[in-house]
């Protein structure tokens, strides 16, 4: 589970395999320094699947 935070507010949530989630966190954190990106082993809920890598910049706006 990848979660994107603005302060204490959850602004996006995606499901992804652990390796892919970690890679997303590594790639996106430097691009969006004002946001906190976390990777959790949470149960899959209603979150969308993490899009393909080409679309990653569009996942945080």
N, C-alpha and C. Protein backbone atom coordinates (compact mmCIF):
# COMPACT_ATOMS: atom_id res chain seq x y z
N UNK A 1 0.85 -1.17 0.00
CA UNK A 1 0.00 0.00 0.00
C UNK A 1 0.89 1.23 0.00
N UNK A 2 0.68 2.09 -0.96
CA UNK A 2 1.40 3.36 -1.06
C UNK A 2 0.42 4.46 -0.64
N UNK A 3 0.86 5.30 0.27
CA UNK A 3 0.02 6.41 0.71
C UNK A 3 0.78 7.72 0.54
N UNK A 4 0.08 8.74 0.08
CA UNK A 4 0.68 10.06 -0.14
C UNK A 4 -0.02 11.03 0.80
N UNK A 5 0.80 11.74 1.59
CA UNK A 5 0.30 12.60 2.66
C UNK A 5 0.71 14.04 2.43
N UNK A 6 -0.19 14.94 2.76
CA UNK A 6 0.09 16.37 2.84
C UNK A 6 -0.15 16.72 4.31
N UNK A 7 0.93 16.82 5.06
CA UNK A 7 0.80 16.98 6.51
C UNK A 7 0.15 15.73 7.08
N UNK A 8 -0.95 15.90 7.80
CA UNK A 8 -1.68 14.78 8.39
C UNK A 8 -2.83 14.29 7.51
N UNK A 9 -2.95 14.85 6.32
CA UNK A 9 -4.07 14.53 5.43
C UNK A 9 -3.64 13.54 4.35
N UNK A 10 -4.32 12.42 4.29
CA UNK A 10 -4.10 11.43 3.24
C UNK A 10 -4.72 11.96 1.96
N UNK A 11 -3.89 12.14 0.91
CA UNK A 11 -4.42 12.69 -0.34
C UNK A 11 -4.50 11.66 -1.46
N UNK A 12 -3.80 10.53 -1.32
CA UNK A 12 -3.88 9.48 -2.33
C UNK A 12 -3.46 8.16 -1.70
N UNK A 13 -3.99 7.07 -2.25
CA UNK A 13 -3.69 5.75 -1.73
C UNK A 13 -3.76 4.76 -2.89
N UNK A 14 -2.74 3.93 -3.01
CA UNK A 14 -2.66 2.96 -4.09
C UNK A 14 -2.19 1.61 -3.56
N UNK A 15 -2.62 0.54 -4.20
CA UNK A 15 -2.10 -0.78 -3.88
C UNK A 15 -0.99 -1.11 -4.86
N UNK A 16 0.02 -1.81 -4.38
CA UNK A 16 1.14 -2.21 -5.23
C UNK A 16 1.92 -3.30 -4.52
N UNK A 17 2.62 -4.10 -5.31
CA UNK A 17 3.51 -5.10 -4.73
C UNK A 17 4.62 -4.36 -3.98
N UNK A 18 5.18 -4.96 -2.93
CA UNK A 18 6.17 -4.26 -2.10
C UNK A 18 7.34 -3.66 -2.87
N UNK A 19 7.91 -4.38 -3.83
CA UNK A 19 9.05 -3.86 -4.59
C UNK A 19 8.65 -2.64 -5.42
N UNK A 20 7.51 -2.72 -6.04
CA UNK A 20 7.03 -1.61 -6.87
C UNK A 20 6.66 -0.40 -6.02
N UNK A 21 6.08 -0.65 -4.86
CA UNK A 21 5.73 0.44 -3.95
C UNK A 21 6.99 1.15 -3.46
N UNK A 22 8.02 0.40 -3.12
CA UNK A 22 9.28 1.00 -2.66
C UNK A 22 9.94 1.81 -3.76
N UNK A 23 9.88 1.29 -4.97
CA UNK A 23 10.47 2.04 -6.09
C UNK A 23 9.72 3.35 -6.31
N UNK A 24 8.39 3.30 -6.26
CA UNK A 24 7.58 4.52 -6.39
C UNK A 24 8.01 5.54 -5.34
N UNK A 25 8.15 5.09 -4.11
CA UNK A 25 8.55 5.98 -3.02
C UNK A 25 9.92 6.62 -3.31
N UNK A 26 10.88 5.82 -3.76
CA UNK A 26 12.23 6.34 -4.06
C UNK A 26 12.21 7.35 -5.20
N UNK A 27 11.44 7.08 -6.23
CA UNK A 27 11.40 7.95 -7.41
C UNK A 27 10.63 9.24 -7.14
N UNK A 28 9.51 9.14 -6.45
CA UNK A 28 8.62 10.29 -6.30
C UNK A 28 8.96 11.21 -5.14
N UNK A 29 9.57 10.71 -4.08
CA UNK A 29 9.87 11.56 -2.92
C UNK A 29 10.71 12.78 -3.28
N UNK A 30 11.80 12.65 -4.05
CA UNK A 30 12.57 13.85 -4.40
C UNK A 30 11.80 14.83 -5.29
N UNK A 31 10.85 14.34 -6.06
CA UNK A 31 10.09 15.22 -6.96
C UNK A 31 9.04 16.03 -6.21
N UNK A 32 8.56 15.51 -5.09
CA UNK A 32 7.50 16.16 -4.33
C UNK A 32 7.93 16.27 -2.88
N UNK A 33 8.86 17.17 -2.63
CA UNK A 33 9.47 17.28 -1.30
C UNK A 33 8.49 17.75 -0.23
N UNK A 34 7.40 18.37 -0.59
CA UNK A 34 6.41 18.82 0.39
C UNK A 34 5.45 17.74 0.83
N UNK A 35 5.53 16.58 0.19
CA UNK A 35 4.63 15.48 0.52
C UNK A 35 5.41 14.34 1.16
N UNK A 36 4.73 13.59 2.00
CA UNK A 36 5.33 12.39 2.60
C UNK A 36 4.70 11.19 1.90
N UNK A 37 5.54 10.29 1.42
CA UNK A 37 5.07 9.08 0.74
C UNK A 37 5.47 7.90 1.60
N UNK A 38 4.47 7.11 2.01
CA UNK A 38 4.73 5.97 2.87
C UNK A 38 4.36 4.68 2.16
N UNK A 39 5.04 3.61 2.56
CA UNK A 39 4.73 2.27 2.07
C UNK A 39 4.38 1.43 3.29
N UNK A 40 3.17 0.89 3.29
CA UNK A 40 2.67 0.11 4.41
C UNK A 40 2.24 -1.27 3.94
N UNK A 41 2.28 -2.22 4.85
CA UNK A 41 1.80 -3.56 4.56
C UNK A 41 0.35 -3.69 4.99
N UNK A 42 -0.45 -2.71 4.67
CA UNK A 42 -1.86 -2.69 5.06
C UNK A 42 -2.67 -3.61 4.15
N UNK A 43 -3.79 -4.04 4.67
CA UNK A 43 -4.69 -4.86 3.88
C UNK A 43 -5.26 -4.05 2.72
N UNK A 44 -5.51 -4.72 1.64
CA UNK A 44 -6.06 -4.05 0.46
C UNK A 44 -7.50 -3.66 0.75
N UNK A 45 -7.79 -2.40 0.53
CA UNK A 45 -9.15 -1.90 0.75
C UNK A 45 -9.72 -1.42 -0.56
N UNK A 46 -10.16 -0.20 -0.57
CA UNK A 46 -10.78 0.35 -1.77
C UNK A 46 -9.80 1.16 -2.61
N UNK A 47 -8.52 1.08 -2.29
CA UNK A 47 -7.51 1.86 -3.02
C UNK A 47 -7.35 1.33 -4.44
N UNK A 48 -7.02 2.24 -5.34
CA UNK A 48 -6.76 1.88 -6.74
C UNK A 48 -5.37 1.27 -6.85
N UNK A 49 -5.17 0.50 -7.91
CA UNK A 49 -3.85 -0.06 -8.18
C UNK A 49 -2.93 1.05 -8.67
N UNK A 50 -1.68 1.01 -8.25
CA UNK A 50 -0.69 1.99 -8.68
C UNK A 50 -0.56 1.93 -10.21
N UNK A 51 -0.68 3.06 -10.91
CA UNK A 51 -0.60 3.05 -12.37
C UNK A 51 0.80 2.70 -12.88
N UNK A 52 0.91 2.54 -14.18
CA UNK A 52 2.21 2.23 -14.78
C UNK A 52 3.19 3.36 -14.52
N UNK A 53 4.47 3.04 -14.57
CA UNK A 53 5.52 4.00 -14.21
C UNK A 53 5.47 5.28 -15.03
N UNK A 54 5.06 5.21 -16.28
CA UNK A 54 4.98 6.41 -17.11
C UNK A 54 3.98 7.42 -16.55
N UNK A 55 3.00 6.96 -15.81
CA UNK A 55 1.96 7.84 -15.26
C UNK A 55 2.24 8.30 -13.84
N UNK A 56 3.33 7.87 -13.24
CA UNK A 56 3.61 8.22 -11.85
C UNK A 56 3.57 9.72 -11.58
N UNK A 57 4.14 10.56 -12.44
CA UNK A 57 4.07 12.00 -12.15
C UNK A 57 2.64 12.53 -12.06
N UNK A 58 1.69 11.85 -12.67
CA UNK A 58 0.30 12.29 -12.63
C UNK A 58 -0.43 11.83 -11.38
N UNK A 59 0.19 10.97 -10.57
CA UNK A 59 -0.47 10.46 -9.37
C UNK A 59 -0.45 11.46 -8.24
N UNK A 60 0.42 12.46 -8.33
CA UNK A 60 0.52 13.51 -7.31
C UNK A 60 0.44 14.84 -8.03
N UNK A 61 -0.56 15.62 -7.69
CA UNK A 61 -0.71 16.93 -8.34
C UNK A 61 -0.94 18.00 -7.32
